[in-house]
């Protein structure tokens, strides 16, 4: 998995409340909700659970479009040393 892929997951979770619920409460089943031939490896799922989910759980519903880019960047910053 690369940074573009994880950025896509974070971006979708910030913009789409339903997908955010999948990331927060059914991360083990996330592969059913993404359009890719690759499966998310378990080590990335653990990173999402540990570093991304706490930030996602505090987001307002909905995240205003004008705030989305900044929030996505803030969450990506949390992952600086966790993904390549």
PDB file of N, CA and C in Angstrom:
ATOM      1  N   UNK A   1       0.849  -1.174   0.000  1.00  0.00           N
ATOM      2  CA  UNK A   1       0.000   0.000   0.000  1.00  0.00           C
ATOM      3  C   UNK A   1       0.889   1.230   0.000  1.00  0.00           C
ATOM      4  N   UNK A   2       0.446   2.209  -0.692  1.00  0.00           N
ATOM      5  CA  UNK A   2       1.253   3.420  -0.730  1.00  0.00           C
ATOM      6  C   UNK A   2       0.483   4.604  -0.157  1.00  0.00           C
ATOM      7  N   UNK A   3       1.164   5.710  -0.105  1.00  0.00           N
ATOM      8  CA  UNK A   3       0.572   6.899   0.500  1.00  0.00           C
ATOM      9  C   UNK A   3      -0.672   7.368  -0.255  1.00  0.00           C
ATOM     10  N   UNK A   4      -0.683   7.226  -1.580  1.00  0.00           N
ATOM     11  CA  UNK A   4      -1.859   7.648  -2.349  1.00  0.00           C
ATOM     12  C   UNK A   4      -3.094   6.840  -1.960  1.00  0.00           C
ATOM     13  N   UNK A   5      -2.884   5.559  -1.723  1.00  0.00           N
ATOM     14  CA  UNK A   5      -4.001   4.696  -1.359  1.00  0.00           C
ATOM     15  C   UNK A   5      -4.571   5.074   0.002  1.00  0.00           C
ATOM     16  N   UNK A   6      -3.697   5.259   0.981  1.00  0.00           N
ATOM     17  CA  UNK A   6      -4.171   5.625   2.318  1.00  0.00           C
ATOM     18  C   UNK A   6      -4.776   7.022   2.298  1.00  0.00           C
ATOM     19  N   UNK A   7      -4.244   7.906   1.457  1.00  0.00           N
ATOM     20  CA  UNK A   7      -4.828   9.238   1.316  1.00  0.00           C
ATOM     21  C   UNK A   7      -6.242   9.140   0.775  1.00  0.00           C
ATOM     22  N   UNK A   8      -6.457   8.237  -0.158  1.00  0.00           N
ATOM     23  CA  UNK A   8      -7.796   8.028  -0.717  1.00  0.00           C
ATOM     24  C   UNK A   8      -8.775   7.540   0.356  1.00  0.00           C
ATOM     25  N   UNK A   9      -8.323   6.633   1.201  1.00  0.00           N
ATOM     26  CA  UNK A   9      -9.190   6.125   2.276  1.00  0.00           C
ATOM     27  C   UNK A   9      -9.532   7.251   3.251  1.00  0.00           C
ATOM     28  N   UNK A  10      -8.535   8.018   3.662  1.00  0.00           N
ATOM     29  CA  UNK A  10      -8.770   9.116   4.600  1.00  0.00           C
ATOM     30  C   UNK A  10      -9.690  10.157   3.984  1.00  0.00           C
ATOM     31  N   UNK A  11      -9.424  10.520   2.754  1.00  0.00           N
ATOM     32  CA  UNK A  11     -10.241  11.523   2.072  1.00  0.00           C
ATOM     33  C   UNK A  11     -11.695  11.085   2.002  1.00  0.00           C
ATOM     34  N   UNK A  12     -11.905   9.850   1.617  1.00  0.00           N
ATOM     35  CA  UNK A  12     -13.276   9.341   1.526  1.00  0.00           C
ATOM     36  C   UNK A  12     -13.946   9.295   2.898  1.00  0.00           C
ATOM     37  N   UNK A  13     -13.187   8.915   3.930  1.00  0.00           N
ATOM     38  CA  UNK A  13     -13.759   8.842   5.276  1.00  0.00           C
ATOM     39  C   UNK A  13     -14.128  10.225   5.811  1.00  0.00           C
ATOM     40  N   UNK A  14     -13.363  11.242   5.445  1.00  0.00           N
ATOM     41  CA  UNK A  14     -13.674  12.604   5.877  1.00  0.00           C
ATOM     42  C   UNK A  14     -14.918  13.118   5.145  1.00  0.00           C
ATOM     43  N   UNK A  15     -15.018  12.842   3.866  1.00  0.00           N
ATOM     44  CA  UNK A  15     -16.096  13.391   3.041  1.00  0.00           C
ATOM     45  C   UNK A  15     -17.390  12.588   3.113  1.00  0.00           C
ATOM     46  N   UNK A  16     -17.295  11.301   3.353  1.00  0.00           N
ATOM     47  CA  UNK A  16     -18.452  10.397   3.283  1.00  0.00           C
ATOM     48  C   UNK A  16     -18.675   9.768   4.664  1.00  0.00           C
ATOM     49  N   UNK A  17     -19.708  10.233   5.349  1.00  0.00           N
ATOM     50  CA  UNK A  17     -19.965   9.768   6.714  1.00  0.00           C
ATOM     51  C   UNK A  17     -20.209   8.257   6.769  1.00  0.00           C
ATOM     52  N   UNK A  18     -20.895   7.706   5.793  1.00  0.00           N
ATOM     53  CA  UNK A  18     -21.147   6.264   5.769  1.00  0.00           C
ATOM     54  C   UNK A  18     -19.857   5.465   5.687  1.00  0.00           C
ATOM     55  N   UNK A  19     -18.944   5.905   4.823  1.00  0.00           N
ATOM     56  CA  UNK A  19     -17.654   5.229   4.714  1.00  0.00           C
ATOM     57  C   UNK A  19     -16.852   5.414   5.997  1.00  0.00           C
ATOM     58  N   UNK A  20     -16.965   6.581   6.603  1.00  0.00           N
ATOM     59  CA  UNK A  20     -16.283   6.822   7.879  1.00  0.00           C
ATOM     60  C   UNK A  20     -16.736   5.802   8.925  1.00  0.00           C
ATOM     61  N   UNK A  21     -18.008   5.474   8.929  1.00  0.00           N
ATOM     62  CA  UNK A  21     -18.518   4.482   9.870  1.00  0.00           C
ATOM     63  C   UNK A  21     -17.886   3.119   9.628  1.00  0.00           C
ATOM     64  N   UNK A  22     -17.684   2.774   8.352  1.00  0.00           N
ATOM     65  CA  UNK A  22     -17.007   1.512   8.032  1.00  0.00           C
ATOM     66  C   UNK A  22     -15.586   1.525   8.585  1.00  0.00           C
ATOM     67  N   UNK A  23     -14.866   2.625   8.372  1.00  0.00           N
ATOM     68  CA  UNK A  23     -13.492   2.724   8.852  1.00  0.00           C
ATOM     69  C   UNK A  23     -13.455   2.644  10.378  1.00  0.00           C
ATOM     70  N   UNK A  24     -14.400   3.302  11.026  1.00  0.00           N
ATOM     71  CA  UNK A  24     -14.409   3.325  12.487  1.00  0.00           C
ATOM     72  C   UNK A  24     -14.855   2.010  13.116  1.00  0.00           C
ATOM     73  N   UNK A  25     -15.881   1.378  12.536  1.00  0.00           N
ATOM     74  CA  UNK A  25     -16.511   0.263  13.239  1.00  0.00           C
ATOM     75  C   UNK A  25     -16.423  -1.084  12.531  1.00  0.00           C
ATOM     76  N   UNK A  26     -15.907  -1.103  11.309  1.00  0.00           N
ATOM     77  CA  UNK A  26     -15.799  -2.370  10.591  1.00  0.00           C
ATOM     78  C   UNK A  26     -14.529  -2.388   9.755  1.00  0.00           C
ATOM     79  N   UNK A  27     -13.423  -1.926  10.323  1.00  0.00           N
ATOM     80  CA  UNK A  27     -12.181  -1.804   9.572  1.00  0.00           C
ATOM     81  C   UNK A  27     -11.732  -3.152   9.012  1.00  0.00           C
ATOM     82  N   UNK A  28     -12.010  -4.229   9.716  1.00  0.00           N
ATOM     83  CA  UNK A  28     -11.627  -5.557   9.205  1.00  0.00           C
ATOM     84  C   UNK A  28     -12.383  -5.889   7.919  1.00  0.00           C
ATOM     85  N   UNK A  29     -13.556  -5.294   7.718  1.00  0.00           N
ATOM     86  CA  UNK A  29     -14.344  -5.545   6.512  1.00  0.00           C
ATOM     87  C   UNK A  29     -14.213  -4.472   5.451  1.00  0.00           C
ATOM     88  N   UNK A  30     -13.244  -3.578   5.608  1.00  0.00           N
ATOM     89  CA  UNK A  30     -13.119  -2.443   4.687  1.00  0.00           C
ATOM     90  C   UNK A  30     -12.873  -2.874   3.245  1.00  0.00           C
ATOM     91  N   UNK A  31     -12.240  -4.007   3.060  1.00  0.00           N
ATOM     92  CA  UNK A  31     -11.943  -4.454   1.704  1.00  0.00           C
ATOM     93  C   UNK A  31     -13.203  -4.661   0.868  1.00  0.00           C
ATOM     94  N   UNK A  32     -14.328  -4.859   1.512  1.00  0.00           N
ATOM     95  CA  UNK A  32     -15.594  -4.997   0.793  1.00  0.00           C
ATOM     96  C   UNK A  32     -16.107  -3.666   0.258  1.00  0.00           C
ATOM     97  N   UNK A  33     -15.598  -2.557   0.777  1.00  0.00           N
ATOM     98  CA  UNK A  33     -16.123  -1.236   0.453  1.00  0.00           C
ATOM     99  C   UNK A  33     -15.214  -0.403  -0.439  1.00  0.00           C
ATOM    100  N   UNK A  34     -14.071  -0.953  -0.814  1.00  0.00           N
ATOM    101  CA  UNK A  34     -13.150  -0.184  -1.642  1.00  0.00           C
ATOM    102  C   UNK A  34     -13.003  -0.849  -2.997  1.00  0.00           C
ATOM    103  N   UNK A  35     -12.778  -0.024  -3.992  1.00  0.00           N
ATOM    104  CA  UNK A  35     -12.629  -0.536  -5.353  1.00  0.00           C
ATOM    105  C   UNK A  35     -11.148  -0.634  -5.695  1.00  0.00           C
ATOM    106  N   UNK A  36     -10.582  -1.768  -5.376  1.00  0.00           N
ATOM    107  CA  UNK A  36      -9.184  -2.021  -5.695  1.00  0.00           C
ATOM    108  C   UNK A  36      -8.980  -3.522  -5.763  1.00  0.00           C
ATOM    109  N   UNK A  37      -8.005  -3.923  -6.513  1.00  0.00           N
ATOM    110  CA  UNK A  37      -7.704  -5.344  -6.581  1.00  0.00           C
ATOM    111  C   UNK A  37      -6.833  -5.767  -5.406  1.00  0.00           C
ATOM    112  N   UNK A  38      -6.209  -4.785  -4.751  1.00  0.00           N
ATOM    113  CA  UNK A  38      -5.376  -5.080  -3.595  1.00  0.00           C
ATOM    114  C   UNK A  38      -6.216  -5.106  -2.325  1.00  0.00           C
ATOM    115  N   UNK A  39      -5.866  -5.975  -1.426  1.00  0.00           N
ATOM    116  CA  UNK A  39      -6.495  -5.995  -0.114  1.00  0.00           C
ATOM    117  C   UNK A  39      -5.639  -5.158   0.832  1.00  0.00           C
ATOM    118  N   UNK A  40      -6.273  -4.513   1.776  1.00  0.00           N
ATOM    119  CA  UNK A  40      -5.518  -3.742   2.756  1.00  0.00           C
ATOM    120  C   UNK A  40      -4.856  -4.731   3.709  1.00  0.00           C
ATOM    121  N   UNK A  41      -3.540  -4.666   3.829  1.00  0.00           N
ATOM    122  CA  UNK A  41      -2.857  -5.609   4.724  1.00  0.00           C
ATOM    123  C   UNK A  41      -3.156  -5.318   6.193  1.00  0.00           C
ATOM    124  N   UNK A  42      -3.021  -6.342   7.009  1.00  0.00           N
ATOM    125  CA  UNK A  42      -3.363  -6.209   8.429  1.00  0.00           C
ATOM    126  C   UNK A  42      -2.518  -5.154   9.136  1.00  0.00           C
ATOM    127  N   UNK A  43      -1.248  -4.961   8.732  1.00  0.00           N
ATOM    128  CA  UNK A  43      -0.437  -3.945   9.397  1.00  0.00           C
ATOM    129  C   UNK A  43      -0.961  -2.534   9.118  1.00  0.00           C
ATOM    130  N   UNK A  44      -1.531  -2.314   7.932  1.00  0.00           N
ATOM    131  CA  UNK A  44      -2.130  -1.015   7.630  1.00  0.00           C
ATOM    132  C   UNK A  44      -3.439  -0.839   8.389  1.00  0.00           C
ATOM    133  N   UNK A  45      -4.186  -1.905   8.532  1.00  0.00           N
ATOM    134  CA  UNK A  45      -5.422  -1.845   9.314  1.00  0.00           C
ATOM    135  C   UNK A  45      -5.102  -1.447  10.759  1.00  0.00           C
ATOM    136  N   UNK A  46      -4.027  -1.968  11.304  1.00  0.00           N
ATOM    137  CA  UNK A  46      -3.635  -1.615  12.677  1.00  0.00           C
ATOM    138  C   UNK A  46      -3.244  -0.141  12.777  1.00  0.00           C
ATOM    139  N   UNK A  47      -2.562   0.370  11.756  1.00  0.00           N
ATOM    140  CA  UNK A  47      -2.208   1.796  11.736  1.00  0.00           C
ATOM    141  C   UNK A  47      -3.469   2.643  11.686  1.00  0.00           C
ATOM    142  N   UNK A  48      -4.413   2.248  10.855  1.00  0.00           N
ATOM    143  CA  UNK A  48      -5.675   2.986  10.750  1.00  0.00           C
ATOM    144  C   UNK A  48      -6.381   2.990  12.101  1.00  0.00           C
ATOM    145  N   UNK A  49      -6.479   1.831  12.730  1.00  0.00           N
ATOM    146  CA  UNK A  49      -7.153   1.744  14.027  1.00  0.00           C
ATOM    147  C   UNK A  49      -6.477   2.610  15.080  1.00  0.00           C
ATOM    148  N   UNK A  50      -5.156   2.599  15.102  1.00  0.00           N
ATOM    149  CA  UNK A  50      -4.417   3.293  16.155  1.00  0.00           C
ATOM    150  C   UNK A  50      -4.306   4.794  15.915  1.00  0.00           C
ATOM    151  N   UNK A  51      -4.040   5.207  14.691  1.00  0.00           N
ATOM    152  CA  UNK A  51      -3.722   6.610  14.435  1.00  0.00           C
ATOM    153  C   UNK A  51      -4.826   7.395  13.736  1.00  0.00           C
ATOM    154  N   UNK A  52      -5.578   6.754  12.862  1.00  0.00           N
ATOM    155  CA  UNK A  52      -6.586   7.483  12.090  1.00  0.00           C
ATOM    156  C   UNK A  52      -7.934   7.512  12.795  1.00  0.00           C
ATOM    157  N   UNK A  53      -8.357   6.377  13.332  1.00  0.00           N
ATOM    158  CA  UNK A  53      -9.695   6.316  13.924  1.00  0.00           C
ATOM    159  C   UNK A  53      -9.942   7.323  15.046  1.00  0.00           C
ATOM    160  N   UNK A  54      -8.977   7.566  15.933  1.00  0.00           N
ATOM    161  CA  UNK A  54      -9.247   8.588  16.950  1.00  0.00           C
ATOM    162  C   UNK A  54      -9.548   9.965  16.338  1.00  0.00           C
ATOM    163  N   UNK A  55      -8.851  10.316  15.287  1.00  0.00           N
ATOM    164  CA  UNK A  55      -9.103  11.603  14.624  1.00  0.00           C
ATOM    165  C   UNK A  55     -10.450  11.596  13.909  1.00  0.00           C
ATOM    166  N   UNK A  56     -10.779  10.493  13.247  1.00  0.00           N
ATOM    167  CA  UNK A  56     -12.057  10.415  12.534  1.00  0.00           C
ATOM    168  C   UNK A  56     -13.240  10.462  13.502  1.00  0.00           C
ATOM    169  N   UNK A  57     -13.089   9.852  14.652  1.00  0.00           N
ATOM    170  CA  UNK A  57     -14.204   9.789  15.601  1.00  0.00           C
ATOM    171  C   UNK A  57     -14.564  11.162  16.173  1.00  0.00           C
ATOM    172  N   UNK A  58     -13.655  12.111  16.086  1.00  0.00           N
ATOM    173  CA  UNK A  58     -13.920  13.454  16.612  1.00  0.00           C
ATOM    174  C   UNK A  58     -14.441  14.435  15.562  1.00  0.00           C
ATOM    175  N   UNK A  59     -14.577  13.984  14.327  1.00  0.00           N
ATOM    176  CA  UNK A  59     -15.029  14.891  13.266  1.00  0.00           C
ATOM    177  C   UNK A  59     -16.512  15.192  13.383  1.00  0.00           C
ATOM    178  N   UNK A  60     -16.901  16.392  12.979  1.00  0.00           N
ATOM    179  CA  UNK A  60     -18.327  16.714  12.964  1.00  0.00           C
ATOM    180  C   UNK A  60     -19.022  15.990  11.811  1.00  0.00           C
ATOM    181  N   UNK A  61     -20.337  15.910  11.906  1.00  0.00           N
ATOM    182  CA  UNK A  61     -21.142  15.324  10.834  1.00  0.00           C
ATOM    183  C   UNK A  61     -22.110  16.391  10.366  1.00  0.00           C
ATOM    184  N   UNK A  62     -22.012  16.802   9.138  1.00  0.00           N
ATOM    185  CA  UNK A  62     -20.968  16.479   8.171  1.00  0.00           C
ATOM    186  C   UNK A  62     -19.752  17.372   8.363  1.00  0.00           C
ATOM    187  N   UNK A  63     -18.667  16.994   7.712  1.00  0.00           N
ATOM    188  CA  UNK A  63     -17.503  17.867   7.640  1.00  0.00           C
ATOM    189  C   UNK A  63     -17.786  18.846   6.505  1.00  0.00           C
ATOM    190  N   UNK A  64     -17.752  20.112   6.825  1.00  0.00           N
ATOM    191  CA  UNK A  64     -18.052  21.129   5.814  1.00  0.00           C
ATOM    192  C   UNK A  64     -17.032  21.056   4.677  1.00  0.00           C
ATOM    193  N   UNK A  65     -17.501  21.175   3.428  1.00  0.00           N
ATOM    194  CA  UNK A  65     -16.596  21.099   2.278  1.00  0.00           C
ATOM    195  C   UNK A  65     -15.389  22.040   2.390  1.00  0.00           C
ATOM    196  N   UNK A  66     -15.593  23.220   2.932  1.00  0.00           N
ATOM    197  CA  UNK A  66     -14.488  24.181   3.037  1.00  0.00           C
ATOM    198  C   UNK A  66     -13.416  23.723   4.031  1.00  0.00           C
ATOM    199  N   UNK A  67     -13.755  22.796   4.926  1.00  0.00           N
ATOM    200  CA  UNK A  67     -12.827  22.308   5.948  1.00  0.00           C
ATOM    201  C   UNK A  67     -12.178  20.968   5.591  1.00  0.00           C
ATOM    202  N   UNK A  68     -12.690  20.304   4.578  1.00  0.00           N
ATOM    203  CA  UNK A  68     -12.263  18.940   4.291  1.00  0.00           C
ATOM    204  C   UNK A  68     -10.776  18.810   3.985  1.00  0.00           C
ATOM    205  N   UNK A  69     -10.255  19.660   3.123  1.00  0.00           N
ATOM    206  CA  UNK A  69      -8.848  19.536   2.733  1.00  0.00           C
ATOM    207  C   UNK A  69      -7.915  19.692   3.933  1.00  0.00           C
ATOM    208  N   UNK A  70      -8.185  20.667   4.778  1.00  0.00           N
ATOM    209  CA  UNK A  70      -7.339  20.890   5.958  1.00  0.00           C
ATOM    210  C   UNK A  70      -7.404  19.695   6.910  1.00  0.00           C
ATOM    211  N   UNK A  71      -8.577  19.140   7.093  1.00  0.00           N
ATOM    212  CA  UNK A  71      -8.732  17.990   7.987  1.00  0.00           C
ATOM    213  C   UNK A  71      -8.004  16.773   7.425  1.00  0.00           C
ATOM    214  N   UNK A  72      -8.127  16.554   6.132  1.00  0.00           N
ATOM    215  CA  UNK A  72      -7.422  15.437   5.494  1.00  0.00           C
ATOM    216  C   UNK A  72      -5.921  15.596   5.694  1.00  0.00           C
ATOM    217  N   UNK A  73      -5.409  16.795   5.480  1.00  0.00           N
ATOM    218  CA  UNK A  73      -3.976  17.045   5.666  1.00  0.00           C
ATOM    219  C   UNK A  73      -3.549  16.843   7.117  1.00  0.00           C
ATOM    220  N   UNK A  74      -4.385  17.269   8.061  1.00  0.00           N
ATOM    221  CA  UNK A  74      -4.071  17.073   9.481  1.00  0.00           C
ATOM    222  C   UNK A  74      -3.971  15.582   9.824  1.00  0.00           C
ATOM    223  N   UNK A  75      -4.886  14.787   9.304  1.00  0.00           N
ATOM    224  CA  UNK A  75      -4.866  13.351   9.584  1.00  0.00           C
ATOM    225  C   UNK A  75      -3.654  12.705   8.916  1.00  0.00           C
ATOM    226  N   UNK A  76      -3.355  13.109   7.694  1.00  0.00           N
ATOM    227  CA  UNK A  76      -2.164  12.579   7.017  1.00  0.00           C
ATOM    228  C   UNK A  76      -0.888  12.902   7.778  1.00  0.00           C
ATOM    229  N   UNK A  77      -0.852  14.077   8.394  1.00  0.00           N
ATOM    230  CA  UNK A  77       0.308  14.461   9.186  1.00  0.00           C
ATOM    231  C   UNK A  77       0.544  13.478  10.337  1.00  0.00           C
ATOM    232  N   UNK A  78      -0.532  12.949  10.894  1.00  0.00           N
ATOM    233  CA  UNK A  78      -0.413  11.964  11.978  1.00  0.00           C
ATOM    234  C   UNK A  78       0.308  10.697  11.523  1.00  0.00           C
ATOM    235  N   UNK A  79       0.305  10.480  10.214  1.00  0.00           N
ATOM    236  CA  UNK A  79       0.865   9.240   9.664  1.00  0.00           C
ATOM    237  C   UNK A  79       2.246   9.414   9.076  1.00  0.00           C
ATOM    238  N   UNK A  80       2.848  10.565   9.198  1.00  0.00           N
ATOM    239  CA  UNK A  80       4.115  10.871   8.527  1.00  0.00           C
ATOM    240  C   UNK A  80       5.134   9.734   8.562  1.00  0.00           C
ATOM    241  N   UNK A  81       5.348   9.149   9.697  1.00  0.00           N
ATOM    242  CA  UNK A  81       6.384   8.119   9.786  1.00  0.00           C
ATOM    243  C   UNK A  81       5.828   6.690   9.740  1.00  0.00           C
ATOM    244  N   UNK A  82       4.528   6.555   9.477  1.00  0.00           N
ATOM    245  CA  UNK A  82       3.914   5.224   9.517  1.00  0.00           C
ATOM    246  C   UNK A  82       3.741   4.579   8.156  1.00  0.00           C
ATOM    247  N   UNK A  83       3.711   5.393   7.097  1.00  0.00           N
ATOM    248  CA  UNK A  83       3.492   4.838   5.756  1.00  0.00           C
ATOM    249  C   UNK A  83       4.553   5.370   4.807  1.00  0.00           C
ATOM    250  N   UNK A  84       4.742   4.643   3.713  1.00  0.00           N
ATOM    251  CA  UNK A  84       5.706   5.104   2.711  1.00  0.00           C
ATOM    252  C   UNK A  84       5.010   5.609   1.472  1.00  0.00           C
TER     253      UNK A  84
END
